[in-house]
C-alpha atoms as a PDB file:
ATOM      1  CA  MET A   1     -20.798   6.209   3.160  1.00  0.00           C
ATOM      2  CA  ALA A   2     -22.556   4.817   6.239  1.00  0.00           C
ATOM      3  CA  GLN A   3     -23.921   7.149   8.890  1.00  0.00           C
ATOM      4  CA  LEU A   4     -21.341   8.090  11.468  1.00  0.00           C
ATOM      5  CA  GLU A   5     -21.800  10.448  14.365  1.00  0.00           C
ATOM      6  CA  LEU A   6     -18.594  11.896  15.742  1.00  0.00           C
ATOM      7  CA  ILE A   7     -18.209  13.648  19.062  1.00  0.00           C
ATOM      8  CA  ARG A   8     -15.328  15.558  20.559  1.00  0.00           C
ATOM      9  CA  GLY A   9     -14.269  13.179  23.295  1.00  0.00           C
ATOM     10  CA  GLU A  10     -11.447  13.140  25.795  1.00  0.00           C
ATOM     11  CA  TYR A  11      -8.987  12.074  23.079  1.00  0.00           C
ATOM     12  CA  GLY A  12     -10.246  14.113  20.133  1.00  0.00           C
ATOM     13  CA  LEU A  13     -12.830  13.151  17.541  1.00  0.00           C
ATOM     14  CA  GLU A  14     -14.369   9.758  18.171  1.00  0.00           C
ATOM     15  CA  GLY A  15     -17.397   7.682  17.354  1.00  0.00           C
ATOM     16  CA  GLU A  16     -18.637   4.148  16.858  1.00  0.00           C
ATOM     17  CA  VAL A  17     -18.979   2.190  13.635  1.00  0.00           C
ATOM     18  CA  HIS A  18     -20.584  -1.022  12.523  1.00  0.00           C
ATOM     19  CA  LEU A  19     -18.707  -2.921   9.829  1.00  0.00           C
ATOM     20  CA  PRO A  20     -20.637  -5.870   8.365  1.00  0.00           C
ATOM     21  CA  ALA A  21     -17.374  -7.628   7.448  1.00  0.00           C
ATOM     22  CA  TRP A  22     -16.654  -8.083  11.173  1.00  0.00           C
ATOM     23  CA  GLU A  23     -20.100  -8.953  12.544  1.00  0.00           C
ATOM     24  CA  ASN A  24     -19.340 -12.680  12.980  1.00  0.00           C
ATOM     25  CA  TRP A  25     -15.956 -12.055  14.584  1.00  0.00           C
ATOM     26  CA  GLN A  26     -17.002 -11.829  18.233  1.00  0.00           C
ATOM     27  CA  ILE A  27     -15.659 -13.364  21.427  1.00  0.00           C
ATOM     28  CA  GLU A  28     -18.371 -11.900  23.626  1.00  0.00           C
ATOM     29  CA  GLU A  29     -22.049 -12.752  23.436  1.00  0.00           C
ATOM     30  CA  GLU A  30     -23.092  -9.121  23.215  1.00  0.00           C
ATOM     31  CA  VAL A  31     -22.197  -7.531  19.896  1.00  0.00           C
ATOM     32  CA  ARG A  32     -20.557  -4.185  20.545  1.00  0.00           C
ATOM     33  CA  PRO A  33     -19.893  -1.385  18.081  1.00  0.00           C
ATOM     34  CA  ILE A  34     -16.312  -0.703  17.054  1.00  0.00           C
ATOM     35  CA  ARG A  35     -14.776   2.413  18.597  1.00  0.00           C
ATOM     36  CA  LEU A  36     -13.282   4.815  16.042  1.00  0.00           C
ATOM     37  CA  ASP A  37     -10.949   7.728  16.725  1.00  0.00           C
ATOM     38  CA  PHE A  38      -8.635  10.062  14.878  1.00  0.00           C
ATOM     39  CA  GLY A  39      -5.058  11.046  15.623  1.00  0.00           C
ATOM     40  CA  GLY A  40      -3.586   7.953  17.261  1.00  0.00           C
ATOM     41  CA  ASP A  41      -1.097   9.041  19.903  1.00  0.00           C
ATOM     42  CA  ARG A  42      -1.066  12.619  18.533  1.00  0.00           C
ATOM     43  CA  VAL A  43      -4.401  14.193  19.238  1.00  0.00           C
ATOM     44  CA  ASP A  44      -4.784  17.951  18.755  1.00  0.00           C
ATOM     45  CA  GLU A  45      -7.274  19.701  21.014  1.00  0.00           C
ATOM     46  CA  GLY A  46      -8.933  21.542  18.124  1.00  0.00           C
ATOM     47  CA  GLN A  47      -8.856  18.527  15.835  1.00  0.00           C
ATOM     48  CA  GLU A  48     -11.146  18.674  12.812  1.00  0.00           C
ATOM     49  CA  LEU A  49     -12.333  16.061  10.347  1.00  0.00           C
ATOM     50  CA  THR A  50      -9.865  16.796   7.541  1.00  0.00           C
ATOM     51  CA  GLU A  51     -10.229  15.734   3.920  1.00  0.00           C
ATOM     52  CA  SER A  52      -7.617  13.020   4.569  1.00  0.00           C
ATOM     53  CA  TYR A  53      -9.709  11.663   7.427  1.00  0.00           C
ATOM     54  CA  ARG A  54     -12.831  11.741   5.225  1.00  0.00           C
ATOM     55  CA  LYS A  55     -11.023   9.709   2.557  1.00  0.00           C
ATOM     56  CA  ALA A  56      -9.873   7.261   5.224  1.00  0.00           C
ATOM     57  CA  LEU A  57     -13.467   6.800   6.397  1.00  0.00           C
ATOM     58  CA  ALA A  58     -14.684   6.191   2.858  1.00  0.00           C
ATOM     59  CA  TYR A  59     -11.921   3.611   2.393  1.00  0.00           C
ATOM     60  CA  LEU A  60     -12.739   1.988   5.742  1.00  0.00           C
ATOM     61  CA  PHE A  61     -16.283   1.253   4.600  1.00  0.00           C
ATOM     62  CA  ALA A  62     -15.586   0.523   0.925  1.00  0.00           C
ATOM     63  CA  ALA A  63     -12.654  -1.860   1.425  1.00  0.00           C
ATOM     64  CA  GLN A  64     -13.666  -3.524   4.696  1.00  0.00           C
ATOM     65  CA  GLU A  65     -13.608  -7.077   3.274  1.00  0.00           C
ATOM     66  CA  GLN A  66     -10.171  -6.660   1.703  1.00  0.00           C
ATOM     67  CA  VAL A  67      -8.782  -5.009   4.836  1.00  0.00           C
ATOM     68  CA  LYS A  68     -10.294  -7.767   6.991  1.00  0.00           C
ATOM     69  CA  ASP A  69      -8.561 -10.423   4.881  1.00  0.00           C
ATOM     70  CA  ALA A  70      -5.231  -8.576   5.113  1.00  0.00           C
ATOM     71  CA  LEU A  71      -5.581  -8.108   8.882  1.00  0.00           C
ATOM     72  CA  LEU A  72      -6.440 -11.758   9.510  1.00  0.00           C
ATOM     73  CA  ASN A  73      -3.577 -12.980   7.316  1.00  0.00           C
ATOM     74  CA  GLY A  74      -1.218 -10.615   9.143  1.00  0.00           C
ATOM     75  CA  ILE A  75      -2.404 -11.913  12.514  1.00  0.00           C
ATOM     76  CA  LEU A  76      -2.071 -15.512  11.323  1.00  0.00           C
ATOM     77  CA  GLN A  77       1.536 -14.874  10.254  1.00  0.00           C
ATOM     78  CA  HIS A  78       2.228 -13.074  13.543  1.00  0.00           C
ATOM     79  CA  LEU A  79       0.941 -16.057  15.531  1.00  0.00           C
ATOM     80  CA  ALA A  80       3.109 -18.451  13.506  1.00  0.00           C
ATOM     81  CA  ASP A  81       6.150 -16.224  14.107  1.00  0.00           C
ATOM     82  CA  GLU A  82       5.360 -15.913  17.826  1.00  0.00           C
ATOM     83  CA  GLU A  83       4.993 -19.659  18.218  1.00  0.00           C
ATOM     84  CA  ALA A  84       8.259 -20.272  16.361  1.00  0.00           C
ATOM     85  CA  ASP A  85      10.069 -17.675  18.500  1.00  0.00           C
ATOM     86  CA  LEU A  86       8.671 -19.002  21.775  1.00  0.00           C
ATOM     87  CA  LEU A  87       9.272 -22.652  20.993  1.00  0.00           C
ATOM     88  CA  GLY A  88      12.727 -22.055  19.588  1.00  0.00           C
ATOM     89  CA  GLY A  89      14.491 -25.366  19.169  1.00  0.00           C
ATOM     90  CA  CYS A  90      11.796 -27.536  20.753  1.00  0.00           C
ATOM     91  CA  LEU A  91      11.636 -30.844  18.896  1.00  0.00           C
ATOM     92  CA  GLU A  92       8.243 -31.966  20.152  1.00  0.00           C
ATOM     93  CA  ASP A  93       5.665 -31.660  17.380  1.00  0.00           C
ATOM     94  CA  ASP A  94       2.729 -31.791  19.768  1.00  0.00           C
ATOM     95  CA  PHE A  95       4.026 -29.066  22.096  1.00  0.00           C
ATOM     96  CA  SER A  96       1.979 -25.869  21.988  1.00  0.00           C
ATOM     97  CA  MET A  97       1.810 -22.600  23.877  1.00  0.00           C
ATOM     98  CA  PRO A  98      -1.130 -22.473  26.299  1.00  0.00           C
ATOM     99  CA  GLY A  99      -3.891 -20.214  25.043  1.00  0.00           C
ATOM    100  CA  LEU A 100      -2.245 -19.438  21.703  1.00  0.00           C
ATOM    101  CA  PRO A 101      -4.612 -20.664  18.978  1.00  0.00           C
ATOM    102  CA  ARG A 102      -3.254 -23.328  16.639  1.00  0.00           C
ATOM    103  CA  ALA A 103      -4.495 -21.537  13.570  1.00  0.00           C
ATOM    104  CA  GLN A 104      -3.561 -22.795  10.124  1.00  0.00           C
ATOM    105  CA  GLU A 105      -5.959 -20.556   8.218  1.00  0.00           C
ATOM    106  CA  THR A 106      -7.854 -17.374   8.980  1.00  0.00           C
ATOM    107  CA  ALA A 107     -11.137 -19.224   9.632  1.00  0.00           C
ATOM    108  CA  ASP A 108      -9.417 -20.876  12.622  1.00  0.00           C
ATOM    109  CA  LEU A 109      -9.327 -17.443  14.283  1.00  0.00           C
ATOM    110  CA  LEU A 110     -13.139 -17.185  14.342  1.00  0.00           C
ATOM    111  CA  GLY A 111     -14.228 -16.993  17.980  1.00  0.00           C
ATOM    112  CA  GLU A 112     -10.679 -16.153  19.097  1.00  0.00           C
ATOM    113  CA  LEU A 113     -10.673 -12.402  18.478  1.00  0.00           C
ATOM    114  CA  GLN A 114     -12.869  -9.409  17.829  1.00  0.00           C
ATOM    115  CA  LEU A 115     -12.246  -5.941  16.447  1.00  0.00           C
ATOM    116  CA  GLU A 116     -12.663  -3.347  19.213  1.00  0.00           C
ATOM    117  CA  GLU A 117     -11.055  -0.109  18.009  1.00  0.00           C
ATOM    118  CA  ILE A 118      -9.896   1.611  14.844  1.00  0.00           C
ATOM    119  CA  HIS A 119      -7.438   4.509  14.991  1.00  0.00           C
ATOM    120  CA  VAL A 120      -7.120   6.751  11.934  1.00  0.00           C
ATOM    121  CA  LEU A 121      -3.640   8.261  12.091  1.00  0.00           C
ATOM    122  CA  PRO A 122      -2.571  11.708  10.845  1.00  0.00           C
ATOM    123  CA  VAL A 123       0.177  10.090   8.754  1.00  0.00           C
ATOM    124  CA  GLU A 124      -0.630   9.480   5.108  1.00  0.00           C
ATOM    125  CA  LYS A 125       0.929   8.137   1.952  1.00  0.00           C
ATOM    126  CA  ASP A 126      -0.505   8.491  -1.543  1.00  0.00           C
ATOM    127  CA  GLY A 127      -3.559  10.282  -0.119  1.00  0.00           C
ATOM    128  CA  LEU A 128      -4.481   7.484   2.298  1.00  0.00           C
ATOM    129  CA  CYS A 129      -4.060   7.634   6.073  1.00  0.00           C
ATOM    130  CA  TYR A 130      -2.440   4.829   8.002  1.00  0.00           C
ATOM    131  CA  MET A 131      -4.910   3.041  10.274  1.00  0.00           C
ATOM    132  CA  GLY A 132      -4.525   0.953  13.372  1.00  0.00           C
ATOM    133  CA  TYR A 133      -6.857  -1.863  14.386  1.00  0.00           C
ATOM    134  CA  VAL A 134      -7.110  -3.121  17.979  1.00  0.00           C
ATOM    135  CA  PHE A 135      -8.406  -6.604  18.712  1.00  0.00           C
ATOM    136  CA  GLY A 136      -9.522  -8.212  21.917  1.00  0.00           C
ATOM    137  CA  CYS A 137      -8.330 -11.804  21.885  1.00  0.00           C
ATOM    138  CA  ARG A 138      -8.706 -14.905  24.009  1.00  0.00           C
ATOM    139  CA  TRP A 139      -4.980 -15.626  24.218  1.00  0.00           C
ATOM    140  CA  ASP A 140      -3.782 -12.169  25.361  1.00  0.00           C
ATOM    141  CA  GLU A 141      -5.690 -10.112  27.904  1.00  0.00           C
ATOM    142  CA  ASP A 142      -4.037  -6.912  26.637  1.00  0.00           C
ATOM    143  CA  GLY A 143      -5.135  -7.490  23.069  1.00  0.00           C
ATOM    144  CA  LEU A 144      -3.420  -7.191  19.745  1.00  0.00           C
ATOM    145  CA  GLY A 145      -2.714  -4.190  17.522  1.00  0.00           C
ATOM    146  CA  VAL A 146      -2.255  -4.115  13.763  1.00  0.00           C
ATOM    147  CA  MET A 147      -1.160  -1.102  11.732  1.00  0.00           C
ATOM    148  CA  VAL A 148      -2.025  -0.999   8.044  1.00  0.00           C
ATOM    149  CA  HIS A 149      -1.711   1.276   5.068  1.00  0.00           C
ATOM    150  CA  GLY A 150      -4.610   0.408   2.804  1.00  0.00           C
ATOM    151  CA  CYS A 151      -4.610  -3.389   2.631  1.00  0.00           C
ATOM    152  CA  ARG A 152      -0.910  -3.731   3.460  1.00  0.00           C
ATOM    153  CA  VAL A 153      -0.048  -4.835   6.982  1.00  0.00           C
ATOM    154  CA  VAL A 154       2.745  -2.669   8.366  1.00  0.00           C
ATOM    155  CA  GLU A 155       3.135  -4.167  11.838  1.00  0.00           C
ATOM    156  CA  VAL A 156       1.419  -6.603  14.199  1.00  0.00           C
ATOM    157  CA  GLY A 157       2.152  -6.403  17.906  1.00  0.00           C
ATOM    158  CA  GLY A 158       0.746  -5.247  21.207  1.00  0.00           C
ATOM    159  CA  ARG A 159      -2.345  -3.084  21.491  1.00  0.00           C
ATOM    160  CA  ASP A 160      -0.336   0.149  21.188  1.00  0.00           C
ATOM    161  CA  THR A 161       0.983  -0.883  17.758  1.00  0.00           C
ATOM    162  CA  ALA A 162      -2.332   0.370  16.376  1.00  0.00           C
ATOM    163  CA  LEU A 163      -1.932   3.973  17.484  1.00  0.00           C
ATOM    164  CA  LEU A 164       1.775   4.822  17.356  1.00  0.00           C
ATOM    165  CA  CYS A 165       2.333   7.471  14.698  1.00  0.00           C
ATOM    166  CA  TRP A 166       6.098   6.910  14.711  1.00  0.00           C
ATOM    167  CA  LEU A 167       5.540   3.385  13.344  1.00  0.00           C
ATOM    168  CA  ALA A 168       3.602   4.832  10.424  1.00  0.00           C
ATOM    169  CA  GLU A 169       6.247   7.514   9.856  1.00  0.00           C
ATOM    170  CA  ASP A 170       9.002   4.900   9.952  1.00  0.00           C
ATOM    171  CA  ASP A 171       7.129   2.840   7.367  1.00  0.00           C
ATOM    172  CA  LEU A 172       6.600   5.949   5.267  1.00  0.00           C
ATOM    173  CA  ARG A 173      10.369   6.575   5.223  1.00  0.00           C
ATOM    174  CA  HIS A 174      11.407   2.988   4.540  1.00  0.00           C
ATOM    175  CA  PHE A 175       8.706   1.323   2.449  1.00  0.00           C
ATOM    176  CA  HIS A 176       9.076   1.593  -1.304  1.00  0.00           C
END
């Protein structure tokens, strides 16, 4: 596993990671490390790096390409759904939402978003923690959040989607 230095920050254990799978996905000129934290919206003051969190870190590095593909496909589908919802019954083929990228494939998102944060949640299934990914994006100043379990996208939404433990618990109860 790659070197990772964790500190006890204001919101529990946190650090910064570099994931080669994401190095070309920047919207700013300066390449910044990706912020990593543990606990999502449920941070314990005496939080420790549990075995579950260690497994999640190993998975984060080992499966970064597969997770990237799943995240980008999830975002692509989310954008298509958003555009369809916002346009409703509009009959004009050339009408588009200002700022929303007209992405047909994941490569069309290059230069439109960048991974800023990863939240490792204390909710797990089959020995793997749920994780949330936060993206800065050109079309939404608040960013975009994606929750995943392994390479399966659970939810795409606002920034907070990436850190809400109840979303992971709901998925845990309902996904078979």
